[in-house]
């Protein structure tokens, strides 16, 4: 399904498209369907969100750079329902730390795709080994500490 829309700026850096109701309805997958997004030949996976009564599709800085687009550009957007499983491959050191604590691995696997992805990205983006270790410890602690 294709539509043309401006890439909207909300606040300082948040950008996204308003997705027409007819497009969301055509997928038959509820108000928040997972989709494959193609802009300027660049494809990524996302989920349509409901914000302020509108259907919105966020475009991160990484995806704006990949597609070569900026806020204010009017673009053709192609969406396809994404039925493939959303999988994350955590780094070995994070998995080892999770396995060392009873129940931590199961709690990690029970997290949403987005939370698992963010934890994985946090560890993988660390520049220093000490930072990486600290992030792994923080993730494990968040999954094993009861409040």
C-alpha atoms as a PDB file:
ATOM      1  CA  UNK A   1       0.000   0.000   0.000  1.00  0.00           C
ATOM      2  CA  UNK A   2       1.481   3.372  -1.018  1.00  0.00           C
ATOM      3  CA  UNK A   3       0.688   6.908   0.062  1.00  0.00           C
ATOM      4  CA  UNK A   4       2.361  10.303  -0.160  1.00  0.00           C
ATOM      5  CA  UNK A   5       2.881  12.382   2.981  1.00  0.00           C
ATOM      6  CA  UNK A   6       5.203  14.966   4.525  1.00  0.00           C
ATOM      7  CA  UNK A   7       7.781  13.767   7.044  1.00  0.00           C
ATOM      8  CA  UNK A   8       6.567  15.645  10.113  1.00  0.00           C
ATOM      9  CA  UNK A   9       8.791  17.059  12.859  1.00  0.00           C
ATOM     10  CA  UNK A  10       7.416  16.823  16.391  1.00  0.00           C
ATOM     11  CA  UNK A  11       9.559  18.572  18.977  1.00  0.00           C
ATOM     12  CA  UNK A  12      13.293  18.843  18.365  1.00  0.00           C
ATOM     13  CA  UNK A  13      14.063  15.577  16.585  1.00  0.00           C
ATOM     14  CA  UNK A  14      11.063  13.214  16.570  1.00  0.00           C
ATOM     15  CA  UNK A  15       9.868  12.646  13.018  1.00  0.00           C
ATOM     16  CA  UNK A  16       7.206  10.532  11.418  1.00  0.00           C
ATOM     17  CA  UNK A  17       4.393  10.191   8.923  1.00  0.00           C
ATOM     18  CA  UNK A  18       0.690  10.357   9.549  1.00  0.00           C
ATOM     19  CA  UNK A  19      -0.700   7.155   8.048  1.00  0.00           C
ATOM     20  CA  UNK A  20      -4.154   7.454   6.441  1.00  0.00           C
ATOM     21  CA  UNK A  21      -6.909   5.491   8.208  1.00  0.00           C
ATOM     22  CA  UNK A  22      -7.697   3.637   4.974  1.00  0.00           C
ATOM     23  CA  UNK A  23      -4.135   2.292   4.825  1.00  0.00           C
ATOM     24  CA  UNK A  24      -4.246   0.987   8.408  1.00  0.00           C
ATOM     25  CA  UNK A  25      -7.691  -0.534   7.893  1.00  0.00           C
ATOM     26  CA  UNK A  26      -6.591  -2.254   4.675  1.00  0.00           C
ATOM     27  CA  UNK A  27      -4.105  -4.408   6.607  1.00  0.00           C
ATOM     28  CA  UNK A  28      -6.871  -5.933   8.751  1.00  0.00           C
ATOM     29  CA  UNK A  29      -4.420  -6.271  11.640  1.00  0.00           C
ATOM     30  CA  UNK A  30      -5.815  -3.824  14.189  1.00  0.00           C
ATOM     31  CA  UNK A  31      -4.765  -0.272  14.993  1.00  0.00           C
ATOM     32  CA  UNK A  32      -1.063  -1.066  15.484  1.00  0.00           C
ATOM     33  CA  UNK A  33      -0.015  -3.355  12.650  1.00  0.00           C
ATOM     34  CA  UNK A  34       3.643  -4.335  12.210  1.00  0.00           C
ATOM     35  CA  UNK A  35       4.848  -3.129   8.818  1.00  0.00           C
ATOM     36  CA  UNK A  36       7.789  -3.069   6.438  1.00  0.00           C
ATOM     37  CA  UNK A  37       8.370   0.554   5.439  1.00  0.00           C
ATOM     38  CA  UNK A  38      10.063   1.583   2.190  1.00  0.00           C
ATOM     39  CA  UNK A  39      11.137   5.196   1.622  1.00  0.00           C
ATOM     40  CA  UNK A  40      13.445   6.131  -1.274  1.00  0.00           C
ATOM     41  CA  UNK A  41      14.294   2.449  -1.771  1.00  0.00           C
ATOM     42  CA  UNK A  42      15.327   2.061   1.882  1.00  0.00           C
ATOM     43  CA  UNK A  43      13.339  -0.574   3.820  1.00  0.00           C
ATOM     44  CA  UNK A  44      13.007  -1.073   7.569  1.00  0.00           C
ATOM     45  CA  UNK A  45      10.581  -2.676  10.021  1.00  0.00           C
ATOM     46  CA  UNK A  46       8.308  -0.700  12.332  1.00  0.00           C
ATOM     47  CA  UNK A  47       4.890  -0.692  13.953  1.00  0.00           C
ATOM     48  CA  UNK A  48       2.196   1.885  13.277  1.00  0.00           C
ATOM     49  CA  UNK A  49       1.350   3.744  16.489  1.00  0.00           C
ATOM     50  CA  UNK A  50      -1.791   5.511  17.606  1.00  0.00           C
ATOM     51  CA  UNK A  51      -0.991   9.016  18.877  1.00  0.00           C
ATOM     52  CA  UNK A  52      -3.521  11.718  19.604  1.00  0.00           C
ATOM     53  CA  UNK A  53      -6.202   9.931  17.611  1.00  0.00           C
ATOM     54  CA  UNK A  54      -3.947   9.644  14.550  1.00  0.00           C
ATOM     55  CA  UNK A  55      -2.041   6.715  13.104  1.00  0.00           C
ATOM     56  CA  UNK A  56       1.658   7.595  13.105  1.00  0.00           C
ATOM     57  CA  UNK A  57       4.777   5.918  11.794  1.00  0.00           C
ATOM     58  CA  UNK A  58       8.035   7.023  13.404  1.00  0.00           C
ATOM     59  CA  UNK A  59      11.217   7.504  11.391  1.00  0.00           C
ATOM     60  CA  UNK A  60      14.362   7.413  13.550  1.00  0.00           C
ATOM     61  CA  UNK A  61      17.546   9.333  12.774  1.00  0.00           C
ATOM     62  CA  UNK A  62      19.112   6.049  11.634  1.00  0.00           C
ATOM     63  CA  UNK A  63      16.296   5.444   9.146  1.00  0.00           C
ATOM     64  CA  UNK A  64      16.229   9.076   7.951  1.00  0.00           C
ATOM     65  CA  UNK A  65      19.938   8.809   7.185  1.00  0.00           C
ATOM     66  CA  UNK A  66      19.482   5.442   5.470  1.00  0.00           C
ATOM     67  CA  UNK A  67      16.697   6.793   3.261  1.00  0.00           C
ATOM     68  CA  UNK A  68      18.393  10.165   2.730  1.00  0.00           C
ATOM     69  CA  UNK A  69      15.370  12.132   3.942  1.00  0.00           C
ATOM     70  CA  UNK A  70      14.717  14.996   6.349  1.00  0.00           C
ATOM     71  CA  UNK A  71      11.769  16.500   8.204  1.00  0.00           C
ATOM     72  CA  UNK A  72       9.622  18.523   5.829  1.00  0.00           C
ATOM     73  CA  UNK A  73      10.253  16.294   2.805  1.00  0.00           C
ATOM     74  CA  UNK A  74       7.096  15.112   1.039  1.00  0.00           C
ATOM     75  CA  UNK A  75       7.665  11.456   0.224  1.00  0.00           C
ATOM     76  CA  UNK A  76       6.070   8.379  -1.230  1.00  0.00           C
ATOM     77  CA  UNK A  77       5.810   5.783   1.519  1.00  0.00           C
ATOM     78  CA  UNK A  78       5.240   2.114   0.789  1.00  0.00           C
ATOM     79  CA  UNK A  79       3.924  -0.097   3.584  1.00  0.00           C
ATOM     80  CA  UNK A  80       3.582  -3.854   3.640  1.00  0.00           C
ATOM     81  CA  UNK A  81       2.119  -5.897   6.491  1.00  0.00           C
ATOM     82  CA  UNK A  82       5.044  -7.553   8.288  1.00  0.00           C
ATOM     83  CA  UNK A  83       4.060 -11.021   9.455  1.00  0.00           C
ATOM     84  CA  UNK A  84       7.623 -12.285   9.979  1.00  0.00           C
ATOM     85  CA  UNK A  85       8.591 -12.949  13.600  1.00  0.00           C
ATOM     86  CA  UNK A  86      10.496 -10.152  15.309  1.00  0.00           C
ATOM     87  CA  UNK A  87      13.706 -11.691  16.572  1.00  0.00           C
ATOM     88  CA  UNK A  88      16.691 -10.296  18.440  1.00  0.00           C
ATOM     89  CA  UNK A  89      20.083 -11.963  18.835  1.00  0.00           C
ATOM     90  CA  UNK A  90      21.589 -10.741  22.107  1.00  0.00           C
ATOM     91  CA  UNK A  91      25.391 -10.739  22.437  1.00  0.00           C
ATOM     92  CA  UNK A  92      27.032 -13.748  24.076  1.00  0.00           C
ATOM     93  CA  UNK A  93      28.154 -11.844  27.182  1.00  0.00           C
ATOM     94  CA  UNK A  94      24.602 -10.680  27.887  1.00  0.00           C
ATOM     95  CA  UNK A  95      23.251 -14.217  27.415  1.00  0.00           C
ATOM     96  CA  UNK A  96      25.922 -15.645  29.730  1.00  0.00           C
ATOM     97  CA  UNK A  97      25.086 -13.086  32.417  1.00  0.00           C
ATOM     98  CA  UNK A  98      21.364 -13.816  32.061  1.00  0.00           C
ATOM     99  CA  UNK A  99      21.993 -17.567  32.321  1.00  0.00           C
ATOM    100  CA  UNK A 100      24.059 -17.044  35.488  1.00  0.00           C
ATOM    101  CA  UNK A 101      21.033 -15.662  37.355  1.00  0.00           C
ATOM    102  CA  UNK A 102      18.064 -17.951  37.989  1.00  0.00           C
ATOM    103  CA  UNK A 103      15.044 -16.869  35.960  1.00  0.00           C
ATOM    104  CA  UNK A 104      16.754 -13.904  34.278  1.00  0.00           C
ATOM    105  CA  UNK A 105      16.915 -15.495  30.822  1.00  0.00           C
ATOM    106  CA  UNK A 106      13.221 -16.406  30.945  1.00  0.00           C
ATOM    107  CA  UNK A 107      12.283 -12.881  32.023  1.00  0.00           C
ATOM    108  CA  UNK A 108      14.415 -11.438  29.215  1.00  0.00           C
ATOM    109  CA  UNK A 109      12.727 -13.696  26.641  1.00  0.00           C
ATOM    110  CA  UNK A 110       9.310 -12.632  27.988  1.00  0.00           C
ATOM    111  CA  UNK A 111      10.060  -8.945  27.308  1.00  0.00           C
ATOM    112  CA  UNK A 112       8.583  -7.291  24.250  1.00  0.00           C
ATOM    113  CA  UNK A 113      10.586  -7.354  21.034  1.00  0.00           C
ATOM    114  CA  UNK A 114      11.310  -3.640  21.437  1.00  0.00           C
ATOM    115  CA  UNK A 115      12.660  -4.010  24.984  1.00  0.00           C
ATOM    116  CA  UNK A 116      14.882  -6.960  23.994  1.00  0.00           C
ATOM    117  CA  UNK A 117      16.119  -4.967  20.991  1.00  0.00           C
ATOM    118  CA  UNK A 118      16.876  -1.899  23.131  1.00  0.00           C
ATOM    119  CA  UNK A 119      18.746  -3.927  25.762  1.00  0.00           C
ATOM    120  CA  UNK A 120      20.765  -5.596  22.992  1.00  0.00           C
ATOM    121  CA  UNK A 121      21.495  -2.272  21.306  1.00  0.00           C
ATOM    122  CA  UNK A 122      22.554  -0.762  24.640  1.00  0.00           C
ATOM    123  CA  UNK A 123      25.172  -3.469  25.168  1.00  0.00           C
ATOM    124  CA  UNK A 124      26.396  -3.531  21.567  1.00  0.00           C
ATOM    125  CA  UNK A 125      26.752   0.253  21.327  1.00  0.00           C
ATOM    126  CA  UNK A 126      29.090   0.520  24.321  1.00  0.00           C
ATOM    127  CA  UNK A 127      32.469   1.855  23.238  1.00  0.00           C
ATOM    128  CA  UNK A 128      34.410   0.851  26.343  1.00  0.00           C
ATOM    129  CA  UNK A 129      34.482  -2.644  27.838  1.00  0.00           C
ATOM    130  CA  UNK A 130      33.716  -1.199  31.293  1.00  0.00           C
ATOM    131  CA  UNK A 131      30.603   0.483  29.915  1.00  0.00           C
ATOM    132  CA  UNK A 132      29.503  -2.739  28.244  1.00  0.00           C
ATOM    133  CA  UNK A 133      29.949  -4.692  31.486  1.00  0.00           C
ATOM    134  CA  UNK A 134      28.077  -2.045  33.473  1.00  0.00           C
ATOM    135  CA  UNK A 135      25.167  -2.159  30.996  1.00  0.00           C
ATOM    136  CA  UNK A 136      25.007  -5.960  31.115  1.00  0.00           C
ATOM    137  CA  UNK A 137      24.949  -5.839  34.925  1.00  0.00           C
ATOM    138  CA  UNK A 138      22.192  -3.210  34.889  1.00  0.00           C
ATOM    139  CA  UNK A 139      20.023  -5.280  32.528  1.00  0.00           C
ATOM    140  CA  UNK A 140      20.442  -8.427  34.626  1.00  0.00           C
ATOM    141  CA  UNK A 141      19.694  -6.477  37.818  1.00  0.00           C
ATOM    142  CA  UNK A 142      16.522  -5.037  36.296  1.00  0.00           C
ATOM    143  CA  UNK A 143      15.317  -8.565  35.548  1.00  0.00           C
ATOM    144  CA  UNK A 144      16.206 -10.089  38.906  1.00  0.00           C
ATOM    145  CA  UNK A 145      15.371  -7.326  41.368  1.00  0.00           C
ATOM    146  CA  UNK A 146      11.898  -7.498  42.842  1.00  0.00           C
ATOM    147  CA  UNK A 147      10.174  -4.358  44.013  1.00  0.00           C
END
